[in-house]
Amino acid sequence: MNYDPILLAAVAEPAASIDAVIRAMEAIDTACADTDGLKWFNWLYLQVTRAVGTRVAAGGFQDPAWLAALDVQFAALYFGALRSYLAGDAAVPESWQVLFDRRSEAAIARIQFALAGINAHINRDLAVAIVATGVEPAHGGTHYTDYTALNSTLDTLVELAKQTLKVRLPGDELPEVSRLEDTLAAFSVTAARENAWNKSELLWTLRECPPLAARTLTAIDGVASVIGKALLVPVP
């Protein structure tokens, strides 16, 4: 068990709105020390959620209610994985376990933790969250348009994070490492989100065959875990 009462309290209650999601992430940020890799994924995710909340409130989407519902469903998967990890639950998705197990390794850079979390959350969770909104995903529709409208904002925030967080977990500077530079350059949020939408269409069609849907999600999680391990190779 990885019991941490303060961190567990931050995700104990379901978040029913974007504001509640933001409050939970702020509580996680407060609970995590700077030397905790979870803090840096949460920090980046908090920036993203604030940006989404601001745009939803401003009416910047064709269906802001759907986008808000997606945001809440999406965050619930992160909070649920963290709750399970803190309780020692074997049901933690493998892609999240990769991050949680290594969150105190000082040789790993903060940006690596941030991207490993983004990887688990987009490559594993996002398709599940899209289906959980209860609306059939389809390319070219209103919801797909709203969904892709966020790509430029997310790409900008991730690119800024790549510069801000490119230090070791304790905060000291990294040496020039071409492998890490190549890894960061190859990571594309837009491509990952497009792939997640495609996977959501697959999972939607499998709703009436739960065993096959479960096996498909396990396979999706397995691929995401491999990417997560690659992202978290310690910096020499």
Protein backbone atom coordinates (compact mmCIF):
# COMPACT_ATOMS: atom_id res chain seq x y z
CA MET A 1 0.00 0.00 0.00
CA ASN A 2 1.18 3.56 -0.79
CA TYR A 3 -1.15 5.23 1.69
CA ASP A 4 -0.87 9.01 1.81
CA PRO A 5 -3.87 10.53 3.63
CA ILE A 6 -3.37 14.06 2.32
CA LEU A 7 -3.03 12.95 -1.29
CA LEU A 8 -5.89 10.48 -0.93
CA ALA A 9 -8.14 13.21 0.46
CA ALA A 10 -7.53 15.27 -2.67
CA VAL A 11 -9.13 12.60 -4.86
CA ALA A 12 -11.53 11.00 -2.38
CA GLU A 13 -14.68 12.63 -3.74
CA PRO A 14 -15.84 12.53 -7.37
CA ALA A 15 -15.42 15.86 -9.16
CA ALA A 16 -18.68 16.91 -10.82
CA SER A 17 -17.49 20.03 -12.64
CA ILE A 18 -14.39 21.54 -14.20
CA ASP A 19 -14.03 23.82 -11.17
CA ALA A 20 -14.10 20.79 -8.87
CA VAL A 21 -11.50 19.06 -11.05
CA ILE A 22 -9.26 22.12 -10.77
CA ARG A 23 -9.66 22.21 -6.98
CA ALA A 24 -8.68 18.55 -6.74
CA MET A 25 -5.59 19.12 -8.90
CA GLU A 26 -4.62 22.13 -6.79
CA ALA A 27 -4.88 19.94 -3.69
CA ILE A 28 -2.66 17.30 -5.32
CA ASP A 29 -0.13 19.99 -6.19
CA THR A 30 -0.05 21.15 -2.57
CA ALA A 31 0.30 17.58 -1.28
CA CYS A 32 3.22 16.66 -3.56
CA ALA A 33 6.79 17.75 -2.87
CA ASP A 34 8.87 19.13 -5.72
CA THR A 35 10.82 15.85 -5.69
CA ASP A 36 7.66 13.86 -6.49
CA GLY A 37 7.31 13.11 -10.21
CA LEU A 38 3.52 13.05 -9.88
CA LYS A 39 3.60 16.76 -9.08
CA TRP A 40 4.92 17.63 -12.54
CA PHE A 41 2.35 15.69 -14.51
CA ASN A 42 -0.35 17.16 -12.28
CA TRP A 43 1.14 20.64 -12.75
CA LEU A 44 0.92 20.35 -16.54
CA TYR A 45 -2.56 18.81 -16.42
CA LEU A 46 -3.70 21.65 -14.16
CA GLN A 47 -2.55 24.24 -16.73
CA VAL A 48 -4.45 22.37 -19.43
CA THR A 49 -7.63 22.08 -17.36
CA ARG A 50 -7.61 25.76 -16.45
CA ALA A 51 -7.28 26.64 -20.14
CA VAL A 52 -10.17 24.33 -21.04
CA GLY A 53 -12.31 25.75 -18.21
CA THR A 54 -11.68 29.31 -19.33
CA ARG A 55 -12.65 28.50 -22.90
CA VAL A 56 -15.77 26.57 -21.89
CA ALA A 57 -16.88 29.46 -19.68
CA ALA A 58 -16.35 31.88 -22.57
CA GLY A 59 -18.54 29.81 -24.88
CA GLY A 60 -15.62 28.90 -27.10
CA PHE A 61 -17.13 25.64 -28.33
CA GLN A 62 -20.17 24.57 -30.33
CA ASP A 63 -21.23 22.23 -27.50
CA PRO A 64 -19.52 23.44 -24.32
CA ALA A 65 -21.64 21.14 -22.13
CA TRP A 66 -20.26 18.08 -23.92
CA LEU A 67 -16.70 19.37 -23.69
CA ALA A 68 -17.15 20.04 -19.96
CA ALA A 69 -18.57 16.53 -19.48
CA LEU A 70 -15.58 15.07 -21.33
CA ASP A 71 -13.18 17.04 -19.14
CA VAL A 72 -14.83 15.71 -15.97
CA GLN A 73 -14.95 12.11 -17.21
CA PHE A 74 -11.33 12.37 -18.31
CA ALA A 75 -10.07 13.70 -14.97
CA ALA A 76 -12.04 11.02 -13.10
CA LEU A 77 -9.86 8.33 -14.71
CA TYR A 78 -6.68 10.01 -13.45
CA PHE A 79 -8.13 10.47 -9.97
CA GLY A 80 -9.38 6.88 -9.95
CA ALA A 81 -5.99 5.49 -10.95
CA LEU A 82 -4.32 7.52 -8.21
CA ARG A 83 -6.87 6.39 -5.61
CA SER A 84 -6.29 2.76 -6.57
CA TYR A 85 -2.53 3.17 -6.38
CA LEU A 86 -2.67 4.78 -2.94
CA ALA A 87 -4.88 1.93 -1.70
CA GLY A 88 -2.59 -0.73 -3.15
CA ASP A 89 -5.30 -1.88 -5.53
CA ALA A 90 -4.09 -4.32 -8.19
CA ALA A 91 -6.53 -2.76 -10.68
CA VAL A 92 -4.28 0.25 -11.37
CA PRO A 93 -3.81 0.50 -15.17
CA GLU A 94 -0.30 -0.56 -16.13
CA SER A 95 0.40 2.70 -17.95
CA TRP A 96 -0.30 4.62 -14.72
CA GLN A 97 1.60 2.13 -12.56
CA VAL A 98 4.73 2.88 -14.60
CA LEU A 99 4.57 6.52 -13.54
CA PHE A 100 3.49 5.95 -9.94
CA ASP A 101 6.21 3.38 -9.27
CA ARG A 102 9.01 5.70 -10.44
CA ARG A 103 7.76 9.03 -9.12
CA SER A 104 10.69 9.45 -6.68
CA GLU A 105 13.58 8.55 -9.02
CA ALA A 106 15.89 11.55 -8.94
CA ALA A 107 17.67 10.71 -12.22
CA ILE A 108 14.47 11.25 -14.21
CA ALA A 109 13.66 14.75 -15.44
CA ARG A 110 10.46 16.56 -14.47
CA ILE A 111 9.38 16.78 -18.11
CA GLN A 112 9.71 13.01 -18.41
CA PHE A 113 7.22 12.53 -15.59
CA ALA A 114 4.90 15.12 -17.11
CA LEU A 115 4.93 13.43 -20.51
CA ALA A 116 4.63 9.93 -19.04
CA GLY A 117 1.45 11.09 -17.30
CA ILE A 118 0.16 12.71 -20.46
CA ASN A 119 0.92 9.47 -22.29
CA ALA A 120 -1.09 7.32 -19.85
CA HIS A 121 -3.91 9.83 -19.76
CA ILE A 122 -4.25 10.36 -23.51
CA ASN A 123 -3.13 7.04 -24.94
CA ARG A 124 -5.06 4.95 -22.42
CA ASP A 125 -7.74 7.09 -20.74
CA LEU A 126 -8.97 9.54 -23.33
CA ALA A 127 -10.79 7.03 -25.54
CA VAL A 128 -12.56 5.68 -22.44
CA ALA A 129 -13.60 9.18 -21.39
CA ILE A 130 -15.00 9.99 -24.84
CA VAL A 131 -17.18 6.89 -24.75
CA ALA A 132 -18.23 7.70 -21.16
CA THR A 133 -19.87 10.95 -22.30
CA GLY A 134 -22.60 8.74 -23.76
CA VAL A 135 -22.44 10.32 -27.22
CA GLU A 136 -21.25 8.25 -30.17
CA PRO A 137 -17.89 9.58 -31.41
CA ALA A 138 -17.74 10.36 -35.11
CA HIS A 139 -15.21 12.14 -37.27
CA GLY A 140 -16.46 15.37 -38.80
CA GLY A 141 -19.23 16.02 -36.28
CA THR A 142 -19.70 18.92 -33.85
CA HIS A 143 -18.00 17.12 -30.98
CA TYR A 144 -15.00 16.13 -33.07
CA THR A 145 -14.66 19.76 -34.17
CA ASP A 146 -14.73 20.96 -30.56
CA TYR A 147 -12.32 18.21 -29.56
CA THR A 148 -9.72 19.09 -32.19
CA ALA A 149 -10.13 22.82 -31.56
CA LEU A 150 -8.16 22.28 -28.35
CA ASN A 151 -5.11 20.83 -30.08
CA SER A 152 -3.26 24.08 -30.66
CA THR A 153 -3.75 25.18 -27.03
CA LEU A 154 -2.57 21.83 -25.70
CA ASP A 155 0.44 21.75 -28.01
CA THR A 156 1.45 25.23 -26.87
CA LEU A 157 1.21 24.29 -23.18
CA VAL A 158 3.21 21.10 -23.69
CA GLU A 159 5.91 22.91 -25.65
CA LEU A 160 6.23 25.48 -22.83
CA ALA A 161 6.43 22.65 -20.30
CA LYS A 162 9.25 21.03 -22.28
CA GLN A 163 11.32 24.15 -21.63
CA THR A 164 10.16 24.84 -18.07
CA LEU A 165 10.48 21.29 -16.73
CA LYS A 166 13.68 20.17 -18.45
CA VAL A 167 15.57 19.71 -15.17
CA ARG A 168 16.10 16.64 -13.02
CA LEU A 169 13.42 15.78 -10.50
CA PRO A 170 15.20 17.61 -7.61
CA GLY A 171 15.53 20.67 -9.85
CA ASP A 172 19.19 20.57 -10.91
CA GLU A 173 20.07 21.13 -14.56
CA LEU A 174 20.29 18.30 -17.05
CA PRO A 175 23.34 17.60 -19.18
CA GLU A 176 22.94 17.80 -22.93
CA VAL A 177 21.43 14.43 -23.77
CA SER A 178 20.46 13.79 -27.39
CA ARG A 179 18.24 10.80 -26.54
CA LEU A 180 16.06 12.89 -24.26
CA GLU A 181 15.95 15.68 -26.83
CA ASP A 182 14.83 13.20 -29.48
CA THR A 183 12.19 11.74 -27.16
CA LEU A 184 10.74 15.15 -26.35
CA ALA A 185 10.75 16.19 -30.00
CA ALA A 186 8.89 13.04 -31.02
CA PHE A 187 6.05 13.47 -28.54
CA SER A 188 2.97 14.94 -30.24
CA VAL A 189 -0.21 15.67 -28.30
CA THR A 190 -2.17 16.28 -31.50
CA ALA A 191 -1.23 12.87 -32.94
CA ALA A 192 -1.98 11.14 -29.62
CA ARG A 193 -5.39 12.79 -29.36
CA GLU A 194 -6.31 11.81 -32.92
CA ASN A 195 -5.34 8.24 -32.14
CA ALA A 196 -7.44 8.39 -28.96
CA TRP A 197 -10.50 9.50 -30.95
CA ASN A 198 -10.00 6.57 -33.33
CA LYS A 199 -9.78 4.19 -30.37
CA SER A 200 -12.95 5.70 -28.89
CA GLU A 201 -14.85 4.80 -32.07
CA LEU A 202 -13.60 1.23 -31.71
CA LEU A 203 -14.53 1.01 -28.02
CA TRP A 204 -17.98 2.45 -28.79
CA THR A 205 -18.67 -0.36 -31.26
CA LEU A 206 -17.55 -2.93 -28.66
CA ARG A 207 -19.92 -1.76 -25.90
CA GLU A 208 -22.24 -4.70 -26.49
CA CYS A 209 -19.38 -7.17 -26.18
CA PRO A 210 -17.84 -6.35 -22.77
CA PRO A 211 -15.26 -9.18 -22.74
CA LEU A 212 -13.83 -8.06 -26.08
CA ALA A 213 -13.98 -4.41 -25.03
CA ALA A 214 -12.06 -5.26 -21.85
CA ARG A 215 -9.38 -7.15 -23.77
CA THR A 216 -9.07 -4.29 -26.24
CA LEU A 217 -8.61 -1.78 -23.42
CA THR A 218 -5.99 -4.04 -21.83
CA ALA A 219 -4.10 -4.05 -25.13
CA ILE A 220 -4.38 -0.25 -25.40
CA ASP A 221 -3.07 0.09 -21.84
CA GLY A 222 -0.19 -2.28 -22.62
CA VAL A 223 0.97 -0.17 -25.54
CA ALA A 224 0.73 3.00 -23.44
CA SER A 225 2.78 1.37 -20.68
CA VAL A 226 5.57 0.58 -23.15
CA ILE A 227 5.63 4.21 -24.25
CA GLY A 228 5.63 5.30 -20.60
CA LYS A 229 8.66 3.13 -19.82
CA ALA A 230 10.51 4.62 -22.79
CA LEU A 231 9.69 8.13 -21.61
CA LEU A 232 10.98 7.37 -18.09
CA VAL A 233 14.42 6.01 -18.94
CA PRO A 234 16.73 7.82 -16.44
CA VAL A 235 18.96 10.55 -17.78
CA PRO A 236 22.66 9.54 -17.51
